[in-house]
Amino acid sequence: MRVDDRLSHSGRFCFPLCHYHGMTLGFDLDIAVPALKDFFGGFSVDLYELQKKYCNDKKPFVIHNEPGIEHIFSELYFVPQQIKGDYYKVKALELLLYLDALQFSDSKEDRPYFYKGQVEKIKAIHDLITANLQEHYTMDELAERFQISLTGMKTCFKEIYGDSMYSYLRRYRMNVATTMLRQDSKKGIAEIAGAVGYESPSKFATAFRQVIGQTPMEYRKSFF
């Protein structure tokens, strides 16, 4: 999660795959502060103090791997249409309360250094394993093919793409599957499972539910 005051936007921000699924929540403090006071007869979170806490310099504040925030946002994706408006308001207040209570360390995380050649190999590995999802490679095969140590490959991949190679590729497969489920209602679940590298539709359904939070059929029904 990224927090900023939208006053110092510059440069280019991108993700490894050059796209992402997410949402933006914005507050006009001059309007929001009195509105919250009027609505609740008093709200414990001071938005101006939150601004000082997270927007104290020109760099955006990035919160990594915070389970509470992940939980708050994950619930926003699957909401019945008839309650969306009120539900979003409640979740926005929940997020403000959580950010107000969140404590974080001032110490900077040490990040490992990788040589340009290592990074180029990892990006080439990424391109290979995502080019044809029906192909399966072992870690040893990839390390030998690209002449990189197994440990170095795992460590560098996780630093660049934010997850282990196994978890990243599984999530990548499921994201491709969601696109296929949305775009073609006539394509069967078993066919989609095979297209993203799963011979067993049941194993695909299990992995899909673990990553997306719904079965493939439940996900498809929400669009058709």
Protein backbone atom coordinates (compact mmCIF):
# COMPACT_ATOMS: atom_id res chain seq x y z
CA MET A 1 0.00 0.00 0.00
CA ARG A 2 1.27 3.44 -0.94
CA VAL A 3 0.33 6.60 0.95
CA ASP A 4 1.10 10.10 -0.31
CA ASP A 5 -0.33 13.61 -0.38
CA ARG A 6 -0.38 13.84 -4.21
CA LEU A 7 1.70 17.02 -4.09
CA SER A 8 5.02 15.62 -5.31
CA HIS A 9 4.11 13.21 -8.08
CA SER A 10 7.02 12.85 -10.47
CA GLY A 11 8.83 10.11 -12.30
CA ARG A 12 7.35 6.82 -13.42
CA PHE A 13 6.02 4.08 -11.19
CA CYS A 14 5.57 0.60 -12.56
CA PHE A 15 5.19 -3.04 -11.55
CA PRO A 16 7.19 -5.98 -12.94
CA LEU A 17 4.39 -6.92 -15.34
CA CYS A 18 3.60 -3.25 -16.11
CA HIS A 19 0.05 -3.57 -14.80
CA TYR A 20 -1.72 -4.12 -11.51
CA HIS A 21 -5.15 -4.62 -10.01
CA GLY A 22 -5.90 -2.22 -7.19
CA MET A 23 -7.85 0.78 -6.04
CA THR A 24 -7.28 4.36 -4.97
CA LEU A 25 -8.86 6.01 -1.94
CA GLY A 26 -8.55 9.80 -1.72
CA PHE A 27 -9.50 12.36 0.92
CA ASP A 28 -10.00 16.09 0.55
CA LEU A 29 -9.06 16.98 4.12
CA ASP A 30 -10.85 20.32 4.15
CA ILE A 31 -14.08 18.47 3.40
CA ALA A 32 -13.43 15.12 5.09
CA VAL A 33 -12.41 16.39 8.55
CA PRO A 34 -15.59 18.37 9.33
CA ALA A 35 -17.76 15.76 7.58
CA LEU A 36 -16.47 12.98 9.85
CA LYS A 37 -17.06 15.09 12.93
CA ASP A 38 -20.60 15.92 11.87
CA PHE A 39 -21.40 12.37 10.85
CA PHE A 40 -20.19 10.65 14.00
CA GLY A 41 -20.41 13.41 16.53
CA GLY A 42 -16.66 12.95 16.89
CA PHE A 43 -14.19 10.61 15.19
CA SER A 44 -11.03 9.57 17.01
CA VAL A 45 -8.77 9.70 13.95
CA ASP A 46 -7.24 13.09 13.12
CA LEU A 47 -6.71 13.14 9.34
CA TYR A 48 -4.22 15.99 9.59
CA GLU A 49 -2.13 13.93 12.02
CA LEU A 50 -2.33 10.97 9.65
CA GLN A 51 -1.03 13.23 6.92
CA LYS A 52 1.95 14.19 9.09
CA LYS A 53 2.58 10.55 10.01
CA TYR A 54 2.67 9.18 6.46
CA CYS A 55 3.39 12.22 4.25
CA ASN A 56 6.21 13.90 6.12
CA ASP A 57 8.55 14.21 3.15
CA LYS A 58 8.39 14.24 -0.63
CA LYS A 59 8.69 10.47 -0.98
CA PRO A 60 5.57 8.28 -0.87
CA PHE A 61 5.22 6.03 2.16
CA VAL A 62 5.05 2.36 1.14
CA ILE A 63 3.72 -0.31 3.50
CA HIS A 64 4.90 -3.82 2.67
CA ASN A 65 3.23 -7.10 3.62
CA GLU A 66 0.90 -5.79 6.31
CA PRO A 67 -1.72 -8.54 6.91
CA GLY A 68 -4.30 -6.18 8.43
CA ILE A 69 -4.31 -3.86 5.43
CA GLU A 70 -4.36 -6.80 3.03
CA HIS A 71 -7.44 -8.10 4.85
CA ILE A 72 -9.22 -4.73 4.65
CA PHE A 73 -8.68 -4.38 0.91
CA SER A 74 -9.34 -8.02 0.02
CA GLU A 75 -12.90 -7.69 1.29
CA LEU A 76 -13.61 -4.80 -1.08
CA TYR A 77 -13.45 -6.95 -4.20
CA PHE A 78 -16.43 -9.20 -3.50
CA VAL A 79 -19.34 -7.07 -2.27
CA PRO A 80 -23.02 -7.41 -3.27
CA GLN A 81 -23.98 -4.57 -5.57
CA GLN A 82 -26.86 -3.38 -3.37
CA ILE A 83 -24.61 -2.57 -0.39
CA LYS A 84 -21.44 -1.40 -2.14
CA GLY A 85 -21.84 2.30 -1.36
CA ASP A 86 -22.32 1.95 2.38
CA TYR A 87 -19.85 -0.93 2.64
CA TYR A 88 -17.07 1.11 1.01
CA LYS A 89 -17.68 3.92 3.49
CA VAL A 90 -17.38 1.52 6.43
CA LYS A 91 -14.17 -0.01 5.03
CA ALA A 92 -12.68 3.46 4.44
CA LEU A 93 -13.22 4.27 8.11
CA GLU A 94 -11.74 0.91 9.11
CA LEU A 95 -8.64 1.69 7.05
CA LEU A 96 -8.24 5.10 8.71
CA LEU A 97 -8.48 3.54 12.16
CA TYR A 98 -5.93 0.90 11.22
CA LEU A 99 -3.47 3.43 9.79
CA ASP A 100 -3.85 5.54 12.91
CA ALA A 101 -2.99 2.58 15.17
CA LEU A 102 -0.25 1.11 12.96
CA GLN A 103 3.25 1.35 14.39
CA PHE A 104 6.32 1.01 12.22
CA SER A 105 10.05 1.06 12.69
CA ASP A 106 12.15 4.06 11.66
CA SER A 107 15.05 1.79 10.71
CA LYS A 108 15.65 1.24 7.01
CA GLU A 109 15.57 -2.26 5.63
CA ASP A 110 18.86 -3.46 4.18
CA ARG A 111 18.36 -4.58 0.60
CA PRO A 112 20.76 -7.00 -1.07
CA TYR A 113 22.73 -5.90 -4.10
CA PHE A 114 22.62 -7.85 -7.36
CA TYR A 115 24.86 -7.49 -10.36
CA LYS A 116 23.31 -6.40 -13.64
CA GLY A 117 24.07 -9.81 -15.16
CA GLN A 118 22.13 -11.56 -12.37
CA VAL A 119 19.12 -9.31 -12.83
CA GLU A 120 19.13 -9.86 -16.59
CA LYS A 121 19.18 -13.63 -16.07
CA ILE A 122 16.29 -13.47 -13.62
CA LYS A 123 14.24 -11.38 -16.04
CA ALA A 124 15.02 -13.89 -18.80
CA ILE A 125 13.91 -16.72 -16.50
CA HIS A 126 10.70 -14.82 -15.78
CA ASP A 127 10.02 -14.37 -19.48
CA LEU A 128 10.59 -18.08 -20.11
CA ILE A 129 8.35 -19.43 -17.37
CA THR A 130 5.48 -17.04 -18.20
CA ALA A 131 5.69 -17.33 -22.00
CA ASN A 132 3.99 -20.74 -22.15
CA LEU A 133 2.15 -21.68 -18.97
CA GLN A 134 1.67 -25.25 -20.14
CA GLU A 135 5.41 -25.80 -19.82
CA HIS A 136 6.82 -26.78 -16.43
CA TYR A 137 10.44 -26.29 -15.35
CA THR A 138 12.21 -27.41 -12.21
CA MET A 139 14.35 -24.99 -10.25
CA ASP A 140 17.44 -27.06 -11.03
CA GLU A 141 16.68 -27.00 -14.76
CA LEU A 142 16.35 -23.21 -14.77
CA ALA A 143 19.50 -22.66 -12.72
CA GLU A 144 21.51 -24.91 -15.02
CA ARG A 145 20.03 -23.45 -18.19
CA PHE A 146 20.84 -19.87 -17.21
CA GLN A 147 24.09 -20.70 -15.44
CA ILE A 148 23.15 -19.21 -12.09
CA SER A 149 23.36 -20.76 -8.64
CA LEU A 150 20.13 -22.20 -7.29
CA THR A 151 20.28 -20.09 -4.11
CA GLY A 152 21.17 -16.94 -6.03
CA MET A 153 18.33 -17.51 -8.47
CA LYS A 154 15.74 -17.94 -5.70
CA THR A 155 16.97 -14.93 -3.73
CA CYS A 156 17.23 -12.58 -6.70
CA PHE A 157 13.85 -13.61 -8.12
CA LYS A 158 12.10 -12.91 -4.83
CA GLU A 159 13.73 -9.47 -4.51
CA ILE A 160 12.76 -8.46 -8.05
CA TYR A 161 9.26 -9.91 -8.21
CA GLY A 162 8.30 -9.82 -4.54
CA ASP A 163 7.58 -13.50 -4.04
CA SER A 164 9.13 -16.92 -4.37
CA MET A 165 9.21 -18.26 -7.91
CA TYR A 166 6.66 -20.99 -7.08
CA SER A 167 4.17 -18.62 -5.43
CA TYR A 168 4.64 -15.95 -8.08
CA LEU A 169 4.06 -18.35 -10.96
CA ARG A 170 0.98 -19.86 -9.31
CA ARG A 171 -0.47 -16.38 -8.80
CA TYR A 172 0.43 -15.46 -12.39
CA ARG A 173 -1.37 -18.56 -13.69
CA MET A 174 -4.47 -17.72 -11.67
CA ASN A 175 -4.51 -14.11 -12.91
CA VAL A 176 -4.35 -15.35 -16.49
CA ALA A 177 -7.19 -17.75 -15.66
CA THR A 178 -9.37 -14.93 -14.30
CA THR A 179 -9.00 -13.08 -17.59
CA MET A 180 -10.03 -16.18 -19.52
CA LEU A 181 -13.00 -16.78 -17.22
CA ARG A 182 -14.20 -13.21 -17.74
CA GLN A 183 -13.66 -12.99 -21.48
CA ASP A 184 -15.17 -16.26 -22.71
CA SER A 185 -18.16 -17.75 -20.91
CA LYS A 186 -18.24 -20.72 -23.30
CA LYS A 187 -14.73 -21.93 -22.49
CA GLY A 188 -14.88 -24.79 -20.00
CA ILE A 189 -13.10 -24.81 -16.65
CA ALA A 190 -11.08 -27.89 -17.62
CA GLU A 191 -9.94 -26.18 -20.82
CA ILE A 192 -8.85 -23.08 -18.92
CA ALA A 193 -7.07 -25.26 -16.35
CA GLY A 194 -5.08 -26.93 -19.14
CA ALA A 195 -4.25 -23.60 -20.76
CA VAL A 196 -2.58 -22.35 -17.57
CA GLY A 197 -0.69 -25.58 -16.92
CA TYR A 198 -3.00 -27.75 -14.79
CA GLU A 199 -3.83 -31.25 -16.02
CA SER A 200 -6.25 -31.74 -13.12
CA PRO A 201 -9.27 -29.39 -12.98
CA SER A 202 -9.70 -30.17 -9.27
CA LYS A 203 -6.13 -29.11 -8.47
CA PHE A 204 -6.67 -26.00 -10.56
CA ALA A 205 -9.87 -25.18 -8.67
CA THR A 206 -8.09 -25.61 -5.33
CA ALA A 207 -5.21 -23.34 -6.38
CA PHE A 208 -7.64 -20.79 -7.83
CA ARG A 209 -9.61 -20.60 -4.59
CA GLN A 210 -6.42 -20.21 -2.53
CA VAL A 211 -5.23 -17.30 -4.68
CA ILE A 212 -8.47 -15.57 -5.74
CA GLY A 213 -10.73 -16.45 -2.81
CA GLN A 214 -13.46 -18.06 -4.93
CA THR A 215 -13.85 -21.18 -7.03
CA PRO A 216 -13.50 -20.66 -10.80
CA MET A 217 -17.26 -21.18 -11.23
CA GLU A 218 -18.12 -18.69 -8.48
CA TYR A 219 -15.77 -16.15 -10.04
CA ARG A 220 -17.29 -16.62 -13.49
CA LYS A 221 -20.87 -16.30 -12.19
CA SER A 222 -20.04 -12.87 -10.75
CA PHE A 223 -19.48 -11.62 -14.33
CA PHE A 224 -22.13 -13.51 -16.32
